[in-house]
Structures are given as structure tokens and as C-alpha cells.
């Protein structure tokens, strides 16, 4: 029985590759070239893997600036993406990225979790690990049976800007910023129009979750996060990044560590700086 809800190894996935409940999704994406991930999927992917695009399928780029650079899609639109991929409420979903799940794979995992779908996991080590082991790939376009999927996002798993603003005074939550240290400090800012971080936030680069392209052990991850949380509980934690994507990587790492109840601020830094009052 498959019941993967955080990460799954390439070896374990191989054993269940032909199970009827399994649905595989390719989420490779490169910020510098929005066409690169889909082109890579067309060339070679895991058997029966459908492709989802970070900008088209996992974001709603039509939303205004206060929602950030990668606004969450509407739940109905995302459900249509799931149906296109052949995903139903009963599916065991495995999603992968190019290497470590740092970009769209963790975002896809998060969106499914927002719908209440528990049986979804990120392929540990991603396509790079799968290829390194010489496991099966092809370039066939999958044909899925029609599926139905209707659900709403659980808004309790996220916070809005008002909660973040109130926290500047109350310190009810600890904020963790998933960006690289130099972006967190404001030394450089290659993407957003303003450098820096939300006042009071601590830095937890998502890369710290990994070792040799794979997630570190639950025990090591748990100790790292507990050191950052101090007296705060996991449920008193808010995650953010530049646009709400790599924050999902920290959420996944905390789930691996057994630290549940964490919330994400989806607009993240790009949404925060859209309001001049926050600058």
C-alpha cells in the first residue's frame, strides 16, 4: 500500500511504478527560462508523467502585485489541472523537480495539501536522482482516464498580510525566510525591486534542508528548526520567501521533521514590498 505524504525515494517509487492508483507529475521549471522545464519534459520524463508549469498551472499571474510574483491559483483552476493529470481524490501523487524539489515540486505538493489531499509526495532527489540510478524514462505523452476533482483551499493553512503586520508588534509568530542569506540580508536582490526582509524574520535558506541533493534526516531537520523556533511552537511559525514558492520547501522539510501546523504567507517578500507602507 502506498501512503506517501512527504517525500519518497526513487527506489520505493520504482517498486510501485505501475500501480493503478499512482499518478506522477513533472514540475521542472527554471526561473531564468520559463520554457526550459517543459522542453525537458518533452525530451524525457518518468513513465506516464504529466507536466505542470509553475507560471501557468501553479500560479495565477493575473492577480495584482499584493499577491506576490507567484500568486496562488484559484482552487477551481488548480482542480482542472489535477483532472488533466488524471488525479482523483484516491490518487497517490508523486511530483518531481529537476533535482531537489526546491521549486515547483514543493509548490505542487503544498497546493494539493491545501485541498486536503494527504497522499502526495515529492520525489527525493528529483529527476537527477532518478536518472543517476538509470531508472526508466520515455518521451511519450501520457493519456489519462477522465477524473473528477472538486475541493477548496484550506485558508487556515496560510496567513494574510494583516497577520504579518500585527506580528511586528505582538511577536506571536516566528517568521522564517527561505531565501539565500545574501538576499535575506539585502546584500543583493536579483529579482524583486526592493532588497531586504520582513522585520523580525529569521533566515532559513531552503538549501539547508538538503545534503547532496536529497533531504537531510528527520532528526537533523527537526533539531535545526527547533533551534530557530526557540520558545515558539511549530503552529506559531510563518514561512515566506521571495514569491511564495521556496517557502513550500521549508514547509515540506518541517513536515518531514514531524513539525506540523506551520503556515505560509503566500505573497511573501514580493507581495510585502508592493505596499509602500511596508518599506
C-alpha atoms as a PDB file:
ATOM      1  CA  UNK A   1       0.000   0.000   0.000  1.00  0.00           C
ATOM      2  CA  UNK A   2       1.324   3.416  -0.964  1.00  0.00           C
ATOM      3  CA  UNK A   3       0.792   6.169   1.582  1.00  0.00           C
ATOM      4  CA  UNK A   4       3.486   8.720   0.868  1.00  0.00           C
ATOM      5  CA  UNK A   5       2.785  12.223   2.150  1.00  0.00           C
ATOM      6  CA  UNK A   6       6.148  13.999   2.346  1.00  0.00           C
ATOM      7  CA  UNK A   7       8.945  12.502   0.231  1.00  0.00           C
ATOM      8  CA  UNK A   8       9.545   9.179  -1.465  1.00  0.00           C
ATOM      9  CA  UNK A   9      12.801   7.638  -2.638  1.00  0.00           C
ATOM     10  CA  UNK A  10      13.431   6.703  -6.251  1.00  0.00           C
ATOM     11  CA  UNK A  11      13.848   3.082  -5.205  1.00  0.00           C
ATOM     12  CA  UNK A  12      10.465   2.958  -3.461  1.00  0.00           C
ATOM     13  CA  UNK A  13       8.724   4.672  -6.369  1.00  0.00           C
ATOM     14  CA  UNK A  14      10.206   2.164  -8.818  1.00  0.00           C
ATOM     15  CA  UNK A  15       8.577  -0.712  -6.902  1.00  0.00           C
ATOM     16  CA  UNK A  16       5.124   0.838  -7.396  1.00  0.00           C
ATOM     17  CA  UNK A  17       5.627   2.382 -10.822  1.00  0.00           C
ATOM     18  CA  UNK A  18       2.720   0.504 -12.386  1.00  0.00           C
ATOM     19  CA  UNK A  19       0.232   0.657  -9.506  1.00  0.00           C
ATOM     20  CA  UNK A  20      -3.145   1.902 -10.808  1.00  0.00           C
ATOM     21  CA  UNK A  21      -3.557   4.496  -8.041  1.00  0.00           C
ATOM     22  CA  UNK A  22      -0.193   6.130  -8.747  1.00  0.00           C
ATOM     23  CA  UNK A  23      -0.069   9.415 -10.680  1.00  0.00           C
ATOM     24  CA  UNK A  24       3.286  11.030 -11.455  1.00  0.00           C
ATOM     25  CA  UNK A  25       3.701  14.735 -12.189  1.00  0.00           C
ATOM     26  CA  UNK A  26       6.728  16.504 -13.667  1.00  0.00           C
ATOM     27  CA  UNK A  27       7.104  20.066 -12.332  1.00  0.00           C
ATOM     28  CA  UNK A  28      10.542  21.021 -13.630  1.00  0.00           C
ATOM     29  CA  UNK A  29      10.931  24.776 -14.007  1.00  0.00           C
ATOM     30  CA  UNK A  30      13.744  27.329 -14.322  1.00  0.00           C
ATOM     31  CA  UNK A  31      13.165  30.927 -13.223  1.00  0.00           C
ATOM     32  CA  UNK A  32      15.587  32.209 -15.845  1.00  0.00           C
ATOM     33  CA  UNK A  33      13.882  30.346 -18.712  1.00  0.00           C
ATOM     34  CA  UNK A  34      10.186  29.578 -18.313  1.00  0.00           C
ATOM     35  CA  UNK A  35      10.229  27.211 -21.311  1.00  0.00           C
ATOM     36  CA  UNK A  36      13.141  25.055 -20.178  1.00  0.00           C
ATOM     37  CA  UNK A  37      11.286  22.702 -17.832  1.00  0.00           C
ATOM     38  CA  UNK A  38       8.540  21.851 -20.303  1.00  0.00           C
ATOM     39  CA  UNK A  39      11.102  21.292 -23.050  1.00  0.00           C
ATOM     40  CA  UNK A  40      12.975  18.902 -20.755  1.00  0.00           C
ATOM     41  CA  UNK A  41       9.721  17.021 -20.086  1.00  0.00           C
ATOM     42  CA  UNK A  42       9.046  16.708 -23.807  1.00  0.00           C
ATOM     43  CA  UNK A  43      12.515  15.234 -24.300  1.00  0.00           C
ATOM     44  CA  UNK A  44      12.435  12.764 -21.401  1.00  0.00           C
ATOM     45  CA  UNK A  45      10.354  12.124 -18.281  1.00  0.00           C
ATOM     46  CA  UNK A  46       9.283   9.413 -15.869  1.00  0.00           C
ATOM     47  CA  UNK A  47       6.765   6.986 -17.393  1.00  0.00           C
ATOM     48  CA  UNK A  48       3.222   8.436 -17.576  1.00  0.00           C
ATOM     49  CA  UNK A  49       4.309  11.738 -16.025  1.00  0.00           C
ATOM     50  CA  UNK A  50       2.159  14.734 -16.940  1.00  0.00           C
ATOM     51  CA  UNK A  51       3.692  18.210 -16.933  1.00  0.00           C
ATOM     52  CA  UNK A  52       2.626  21.176 -14.811  1.00  0.00           C
ATOM     53  CA  UNK A  53       4.023  24.666 -15.357  1.00  0.00           C
ATOM     54  CA  UNK A  54       4.792  26.914 -12.390  1.00  0.00           C
ATOM     55  CA  UNK A  55       3.531  30.083 -14.081  1.00  0.00           C
ATOM     56  CA  UNK A  56       0.521  28.645 -15.941  1.00  0.00           C
ATOM     57  CA  UNK A  57      -0.740  25.886 -13.636  1.00  0.00           C
ATOM     58  CA  UNK A  58       0.591  26.561 -10.143  1.00  0.00           C
ATOM     59  CA  UNK A  59       0.167  30.348 -10.113  1.00  0.00           C
ATOM     60  CA  UNK A  60      -2.336  32.976 -11.221  1.00  0.00           C
ATOM     61  CA  UNK A  61      -0.184  35.673 -12.741  1.00  0.00           C
ATOM     62  CA  UNK A  62      -3.253  37.814 -13.444  1.00  0.00           C
ATOM     63  CA  UNK A  63      -3.647  38.739  -9.777  1.00  0.00           C
ATOM     64  CA  UNK A  64      -2.368  42.154  -8.627  1.00  0.00           C
ATOM     65  CA  UNK A  65       1.016  42.863  -7.054  1.00  0.00           C
ATOM     66  CA  UNK A  66      -0.094  42.469  -3.431  1.00  0.00           C
ATOM     67  CA  UNK A  67      -0.454  38.728  -4.087  1.00  0.00           C
ATOM     68  CA  UNK A  68       3.239  38.443  -4.983  1.00  0.00           C
ATOM     69  CA  UNK A  69       5.146  37.321  -8.068  1.00  0.00           C
ATOM     70  CA  UNK A  70       3.625  33.822  -7.997  1.00  0.00           C
ATOM     71  CA  UNK A  71       0.094  34.276  -6.626  1.00  0.00           C
ATOM     72  CA  UNK A  72      -1.749  31.122  -5.645  1.00  0.00           C
ATOM     73  CA  UNK A  73      -4.064  29.875  -8.378  1.00  0.00           C
ATOM     74  CA  UNK A  74      -7.786  29.720  -7.761  1.00  0.00           C
ATOM     75  CA  UNK A  75      -8.805  26.366  -6.322  1.00  0.00           C
ATOM     76  CA  UNK A  76     -11.138  25.603  -9.239  1.00  0.00           C
ATOM     77  CA  UNK A  77      -8.407  26.275 -11.771  1.00  0.00           C
ATOM     78  CA  UNK A  78      -5.972  24.069  -9.891  1.00  0.00           C
ATOM     79  CA  UNK A  79      -8.570  21.290  -9.707  1.00  0.00           C
ATOM     80  CA  UNK A  80      -8.831  21.432 -13.504  1.00  0.00           C
ATOM     81  CA  UNK A  81      -5.057  20.978 -13.674  1.00  0.00           C
ATOM     82  CA  UNK A  82      -5.368  17.915 -11.436  1.00  0.00           C
ATOM     83  CA  UNK A  83      -8.088  16.440 -13.637  1.00  0.00           C
ATOM     84  CA  UNK A  84      -5.927  16.984 -16.719  1.00  0.00           C
ATOM     85  CA  UNK A  85      -3.219  14.956 -14.997  1.00  0.00           C
ATOM     86  CA  UNK A  86      -5.653  12.155 -14.153  1.00  0.00           C
ATOM     87  CA  UNK A  87      -5.621  12.858 -10.426  1.00  0.00           C
ATOM     88  CA  UNK A  88      -8.623  11.931  -8.299  1.00  0.00           C
ATOM     89  CA  UNK A  89      -9.184  12.093  -4.541  1.00  0.00           C
ATOM     90  CA  UNK A  90      -7.956   8.492  -4.287  1.00  0.00           C
ATOM     91  CA  UNK A  91      -4.712   9.004  -6.206  1.00  0.00           C
ATOM     92  CA  UNK A  92      -1.281   8.588  -4.708  1.00  0.00           C
ATOM     93  CA  UNK A  93       0.529  11.501  -6.326  1.00  0.00           C
ATOM     94  CA  UNK A  94       4.300  11.800  -6.721  1.00  0.00           C
ATOM     95  CA  UNK A  95       5.712  15.049  -8.073  1.00  0.00           C
ATOM     96  CA  UNK A  96       9.308  15.752  -9.034  1.00  0.00           C
ATOM     97  CA  UNK A  97      11.534  18.646  -9.961  1.00  0.00           C
ATOM     98  CA  UNK A  98      14.851  18.696 -11.759  1.00  0.00           C
ATOM     99  CA  UNK A  99      16.840  17.846  -8.660  1.00  0.00           C
ATOM    100  CA  UNK A 100      15.827  18.615  -5.104  1.00  0.00           C
ATOM    101  CA  UNK A 101      12.166  19.673  -5.218  1.00  0.00           C
ATOM    102  CA  UNK A 102      13.171  23.233  -4.440  1.00  0.00           C
ATOM    103  CA  UNK A 103      10.941  24.953  -6.916  1.00  0.00           C
ATOM    104  CA  UNK A 104       7.630  23.845  -8.361  1.00  0.00           C
ATOM    105  CA  UNK A 105       7.518  20.305  -6.945  1.00  0.00           C
ATOM    106  CA  UNK A 106       7.209  21.524  -3.374  1.00  0.00           C
ATOM    107  CA  UNK A 107       4.701  24.155  -4.530  1.00  0.00           C
ATOM    108  CA  UNK A 108       2.552  21.468  -6.204  1.00  0.00           C
ATOM    109  CA  UNK A 109       2.769  19.357  -3.022  1.00  0.00           C
ATOM    110  CA  UNK A 110       1.642  22.366  -0.977  1.00  0.00           C
ATOM    111  CA  UNK A 111      -1.312  23.159  -3.237  1.00  0.00           C
ATOM    112  CA  UNK A 112      -2.576  19.586  -3.012  1.00  0.00           C
ATOM    113  CA  UNK A 113      -2.210  19.697   0.761  1.00  0.00           C
ATOM    114  CA  UNK A 114      -4.256  22.912   0.785  1.00  0.00           C
ATOM    115  CA  UNK A 115      -7.036  20.904  -0.869  1.00  0.00           C
ATOM    116  CA  UNK A 116      -6.846  18.306   1.907  1.00  0.00           C
ATOM    117  CA  UNK A 117      -5.114  15.710  -0.295  1.00  0.00           C
ATOM    118  CA  UNK A 118      -2.783  13.769   2.004  1.00  0.00           C
ATOM    119  CA  UNK A 119      -1.362  11.178  -0.417  1.00  0.00           C
ATOM    120  CA  UNK A 120       1.109  13.391  -2.231  1.00  0.00           C
ATOM    121  CA  UNK A 121       4.897  13.231  -2.020  1.00  0.00           C
ATOM    122  CA  UNK A 122       7.942  14.823  -3.624  1.00  0.00           C
ATOM    123  CA  UNK A 123      10.468  12.509  -5.278  1.00  0.00           C
ATOM    124  CA  UNK A 124      13.577  12.833  -3.126  1.00  0.00           C
ATOM    125  CA  UNK A 125      16.464  13.918  -5.334  1.00  0.00           C
ATOM    126  CA  UNK A 126      14.104  14.557  -8.242  1.00  0.00           C
ATOM    127  CA  UNK A 127      14.770  13.729 -11.879  1.00  0.00           C
ATOM    128  CA  UNK A 128      18.521  13.970 -11.291  1.00  0.00           C
ATOM    129  CA  UNK A 129      18.485  11.122  -8.761  1.00  0.00           C
ATOM    130  CA  UNK A 130      16.141   9.019 -10.926  1.00  0.00           C
ATOM    131  CA  UNK A 131      18.444   9.456 -13.926  1.00  0.00           C
ATOM    132  CA  UNK A 132      21.567   8.813 -11.878  1.00  0.00           C
ATOM    133  CA  UNK A 133      20.175   5.383 -10.971  1.00  0.00           C
ATOM    134  CA  UNK A 134      19.422   4.626 -14.609  1.00  0.00           C
ATOM    135  CA  UNK A 135      15.698   4.158 -13.971  1.00  0.00           C
ATOM    136  CA  UNK A 136      13.051   4.132 -16.749  1.00  0.00           C
ATOM    137  CA  UNK A 137      12.225   7.272 -18.706  1.00  0.00           C
ATOM    138  CA  UNK A 138      10.493   7.960 -22.007  1.00  0.00           C
ATOM    139  CA  UNK A 139       9.125  10.823 -24.086  1.00  0.00           C
ATOM    140  CA  UNK A 140       5.569   9.508 -24.506  1.00  0.00           C
ATOM    141  CA  UNK A 141       2.703  11.928 -23.901  1.00  0.00           C
ATOM    142  CA  UNK A 142       0.536  10.258 -21.236  1.00  0.00           C
ATOM    143  CA  UNK A 143      -3.132   9.542 -21.785  1.00  0.00           C
ATOM    144  CA  UNK A 144      -5.125   9.586 -18.550  1.00  0.00           C
ATOM    145  CA  UNK A 145      -8.610   8.358 -17.805  1.00  0.00           C
ATOM    146  CA  UNK A 146     -11.068  11.187 -17.063  1.00  0.00           C
ATOM    147  CA  UNK A 147     -11.133  12.128 -13.374  1.00  0.00           C
ATOM    148  CA  UNK A 148     -13.192  14.402 -11.163  1.00  0.00           C
ATOM    149  CA  UNK A 149     -11.674  16.678  -8.563  1.00  0.00           C
ATOM    150  CA  UNK A 150     -13.511  19.387  -6.655  1.00  0.00           C
ATOM    151  CA  UNK A 151     -12.231  20.955  -3.441  1.00  0.00           C
ATOM    152  CA  UNK A 152     -11.468  24.312  -1.849  1.00  0.00           C
ATOM    153  CA  UNK A 153      -8.237  25.545  -0.344  1.00  0.00           C
ATOM    154  CA  UNK A 154      -7.974  25.426   3.451  1.00  0.00           C
ATOM    155  CA  UNK A 155      -7.387  29.078   4.285  1.00  0.00           C
ATOM    156  CA  UNK A 156      -6.333  28.163   7.832  1.00  0.00           C
ATOM    157  CA  UNK A 157      -3.060  26.837   6.416  1.00  0.00           C
ATOM    158  CA  UNK A 158      -1.996  30.318   5.295  1.00  0.00           C
ATOM    159  CA  UNK A 159      -1.880  33.847   6.687  1.00  0.00           C
ATOM    160  CA  UNK A 160      -2.580  37.224   5.132  1.00  0.00           C
ATOM    161  CA  UNK A 161      -0.619  40.441   5.318  1.00  0.00           C
ATOM    162  CA  UNK A 162      -2.616  41.691   8.331  1.00  0.00           C
ATOM    163  CA  UNK A 163      -1.327  38.797  10.453  1.00  0.00           C
ATOM    164  CA  UNK A 164       2.243  39.548   9.412  1.00  0.00           C
ATOM    165  CA  UNK A 165       1.818  43.267  10.186  1.00  0.00           C
ATOM    166  CA  UNK A 166       0.309  42.549  13.599  1.00  0.00           C
ATOM    167  CA  UNK A 167       3.198  40.247  14.347  1.00  0.00           C
ATOM    168  CA  UNK A 168       5.625  43.167  14.093  1.00  0.00           C
ATOM    169  CA  UNK A 169       4.222  44.216  17.485  1.00  0.00           C
ATOM    170  CA  UNK A 170       2.884  41.011  19.016  1.00  0.00           C
ATOM    171  CA  UNK A 171       5.715  38.597  18.131  1.00  0.00           C
ATOM    172  CA  UNK A 172       3.112  35.853  18.280  1.00  0.00           C
ATOM    173  CA  UNK A 173       4.782  34.050  15.386  1.00  0.00           C
ATOM    174  CA  UNK A 174       8.335  33.399  14.289  1.00  0.00           C
ATOM    175  CA  UNK A 175       8.888  34.257  10.602  1.00  0.00           C
ATOM    176  CA  UNK A 176      11.317  32.146   8.588  1.00  0.00           C
ATOM    177  CA  UNK A 177      12.661  33.454   5.265  1.00  0.00           C
ATOM    178  CA  UNK A 178      13.634  30.677   2.810  1.00  0.00           C
ATOM    179  CA  UNK A 179      15.851  32.787   0.528  1.00  0.00           C
ATOM    180  CA  UNK A 180      19.622  32.653   0.294  1.00  0.00           C
ATOM    181  CA  UNK A 181      21.433  34.579   3.074  1.00  0.00           C
ATOM    182  CA  UNK A 182      22.636  37.348   0.768  1.00  0.00           C
ATOM    183  CA  UNK A 183      19.092  38.079  -0.401  1.00  0.00           C
ATOM    184  CA  UNK A 184      17.742  37.873   3.152  1.00  0.00           C
ATOM    185  CA  UNK A 185      20.369  40.374   4.312  1.00  0.00           C
ATOM    186  CA  UNK A 186      19.656  42.642   1.350  1.00  0.00           C
ATOM    187  CA  UNK A 187      23.208  42.460   0.009  1.00  0.00           C
ATOM    188  CA  UNK A 188      21.816  41.640  -3.428  1.00  0.00           C
ATOM    189  CA  UNK A 189      18.346  41.396  -4.963  1.00  0.00           C
ATOM    190  CA  UNK A 190      18.311  39.949  -8.485  1.00  0.00           C
ATOM    191  CA  UNK A 191      14.523  39.653  -8.844  1.00  0.00           C
ATOM    192  CA  UNK A 192      12.458  41.990  -6.671  1.00  0.00           C
ATOM    193  CA  UNK A 193      12.529  45.788  -6.786  1.00  0.00           C
ATOM    194  CA  UNK A 194      13.499  46.157  -3.111  1.00  0.00           C
ATOM    195  CA  UNK A 195      16.129  44.255  -1.139  1.00  0.00           C
ATOM    196  CA  UNK A 196      15.868  43.090   2.469  1.00  0.00           C
ATOM    197  CA  UNK A 197      13.473  41.067   4.585  1.00  0.00           C
ATOM    198  CA  UNK A 198      10.337  41.411   6.676  1.00  0.00           C
ATOM    199  CA  UNK A 199      11.309  42.958  10.041  1.00  0.00           C
ATOM    200  CA  UNK A 200      11.966  40.376  12.718  1.00  0.00           C
ATOM    201  CA  UNK A 201      12.229  37.438  10.309  1.00  0.00           C
ATOM    202  CA  UNK A 202      14.920  34.797  10.699  1.00  0.00           C
ATOM    203  CA  UNK A 203      16.739  33.219   7.788  1.00  0.00           C
ATOM    204  CA  UNK A 204      16.317  29.534   6.954  1.00  0.00           C
ATOM    205  CA  UNK A 205      17.630  29.021   3.404  1.00  0.00           C
ATOM    206  CA  UNK A 206      15.793  26.119   1.805  1.00  0.00           C
ATOM    207  CA  UNK A 207      19.174  24.757   0.678  1.00  0.00           C
ATOM    208  CA  UNK A 208      19.892  23.957   4.333  1.00  0.00           C
ATOM    209  CA  UNK A 209      17.273  21.203   4.105  1.00  0.00           C
ATOM    210  CA  UNK A 210      19.432  19.246   1.684  1.00  0.00           C
ATOM    211  CA  UNK A 211      22.572  17.184   1.547  1.00  0.00           C
ATOM    212  CA  UNK A 212      23.892  16.000  -1.811  1.00  0.00           C
ATOM    213  CA  UNK A 213      20.615  16.957  -3.449  1.00  0.00           C
ATOM    214  CA  UNK A 214      18.412  14.946  -1.061  1.00  0.00           C
ATOM    215  CA  UNK A 215      16.595  15.868   2.123  1.00  0.00           C
ATOM    216  CA  UNK A 216      18.515  15.510   5.359  1.00  0.00           C
ATOM    217  CA  UNK A 217      17.263  13.116   8.031  1.00  0.00           C
ATOM    218  CA  UNK A 218      14.108  13.957  10.000  1.00  0.00           C
ATOM    219  CA  UNK A 219      16.155  14.144  13.196  1.00  0.00           C
ATOM    220  CA  UNK A 220      18.638  16.694  11.836  1.00  0.00           C
ATOM    221  CA  UNK A 221      15.898  18.783  10.236  1.00  0.00           C
ATOM    222  CA  UNK A 222      13.896  18.791  13.463  1.00  0.00           C
ATOM    223  CA  UNK A 223      16.836  19.961  15.545  1.00  0.00           C
ATOM    224  CA  UNK A 224      17.648  22.747  13.077  1.00  0.00           C
ATOM    225  CA  UNK A 225      14.109  24.098  13.066  1.00  0.00           C
ATOM    226  CA  UNK A 226      13.646  23.797  16.828  1.00  0.00           C
ATOM    227  CA  UNK A 227      16.815  25.854  17.296  1.00  0.00           C
ATOM    228  CA  UNK A 228      15.239  28.598  15.182  1.00  0.00           C
ATOM    229  CA  UNK A 229      11.792  28.422  16.784  1.00  0.00           C
ATOM    230  CA  UNK A 230      13.051  28.831  20.331  1.00  0.00           C
ATOM    231  CA  UNK A 231      10.030  29.090  22.623  1.00  0.00           C
ATOM    232  CA  UNK A 232       7.585  29.103  19.707  1.00  0.00           C
ATOM    233  CA  UNK A 233       5.607  26.036  18.650  1.00  0.00           C
ATOM    234  CA  UNK A 234       5.555  24.799  15.072  1.00  0.00           C
ATOM    235  CA  UNK A 235       1.983  26.115  14.837  1.00  0.00           C
ATOM    236  CA  UNK A 236       3.356  29.565  15.694  1.00  0.00           C
ATOM    237  CA  UNK A 237       5.569  29.628  12.592  1.00  0.00           C
ATOM    238  CA  UNK A 238       5.063  31.568   9.357  1.00  0.00           C
ATOM    239  CA  UNK A 239       7.124  30.739   6.281  1.00  0.00           C
ATOM    240  CA  UNK A 240       7.855  33.030   3.343  1.00  0.00           C
ATOM    241  CA  UNK A 241      10.395  33.564   0.572  1.00  0.00           C
ATOM    242  CA  UNK A 242      10.550  35.812  -2.486  1.00  0.00           C
ATOM    243  CA  UNK A 243       7.286  34.810  -4.149  1.00  0.00           C
ATOM    244  CA  UNK A 244       5.797  32.005  -2.047  1.00  0.00           C
ATOM    245  CA  UNK A 245       7.408  29.087  -3.890  1.00  0.00           C
ATOM    246  CA  UNK A 246      10.537  28.024  -1.995  1.00  0.00           C
ATOM    247  CA  UNK A 247       8.744  28.663   1.306  1.00  0.00           C
ATOM    248  CA  UNK A 248       6.944  25.419   0.445  1.00  0.00           C
ATOM    249  CA  UNK A 249      10.314  23.650   0.588  1.00  0.00           C
ATOM    250  CA  UNK A 250      10.723  24.673   4.232  1.00  0.00           C
ATOM    251  CA  UNK A 251       7.153  23.556   4.919  1.00  0.00           C
ATOM    252  CA  UNK A 252       7.917  20.167   3.399  1.00  0.00           C
ATOM    253  CA  UNK A 253      11.106  19.884   5.449  1.00  0.00           C
ATOM    254  CA  UNK A 254       9.219  20.690   8.646  1.00  0.00           C
ATOM    255  CA  UNK A 255       6.611  18.041   7.818  1.00  0.00           C
ATOM    256  CA  UNK A 256       9.417  15.528   7.264  1.00  0.00           C
ATOM    257  CA  UNK A 257      10.704  16.525  10.712  1.00  0.00           C
ATOM    258  CA  UNK A 258       7.294  15.940  12.281  1.00  0.00           C
ATOM    259  CA  UNK A 259       6.676  19.653  12.872  1.00  0.00           C
ATOM    260  CA  UNK A 260       3.100  20.247  11.725  1.00  0.00           C
ATOM    261  CA  UNK A 261       0.715  23.171  11.833  1.00  0.00           C
ATOM    262  CA  UNK A 262       3.068  25.627  10.120  1.00  0.00           C
ATOM    263  CA  UNK A 263       1.549  28.357   7.932  1.00  0.00           C
ATOM    264  CA  UNK A 264       2.751  30.113   4.793  1.00  0.00           C
ATOM    265  CA  UNK A 265       2.438  33.790   3.887  1.00  0.00           C
ATOM    266  CA  UNK A 266       1.845  33.216   0.143  1.00  0.00           C
ATOM    267  CA  UNK A 267       2.570  36.767  -1.170  1.00  0.00           C
ATOM    268  CA  UNK A 268       5.950  36.617   0.574  1.00  0.00           C
ATOM    269  CA  UNK A 269       8.548  39.359   0.126  1.00  0.00           C
ATOM    270  CA  UNK A 270       7.367  40.394  -3.345  1.00  0.00           C
ATOM    271  CA  UNK A 271       3.837  40.928  -2.035  1.00  0.00           C
ATOM    272  CA  UNK A 272       5.024  42.620   1.156  1.00  0.00           C
ATOM    273  CA  UNK A 273       7.015  45.292  -0.699  1.00  0.00           C
ATOM    274  CA  UNK A 274       4.099  46.079  -3.038  1.00  0.00           C
ATOM    275  CA  UNK A 275       2.679  48.241  -0.218  1.00  0.00           C
ATOM    276  CA  UNK A 276       4.746  51.446   0.239  1.00  0.00           C
ATOM    277  CA  UNK A 277       3.793  51.468   3.931  1.00  0.00           C
ATOM    278  CA  UNK A 278       5.929  48.368   4.428  1.00  0.00           C
ATOM    279  CA  UNK A 279       9.097  49.933   3.030  1.00  0.00           C
END
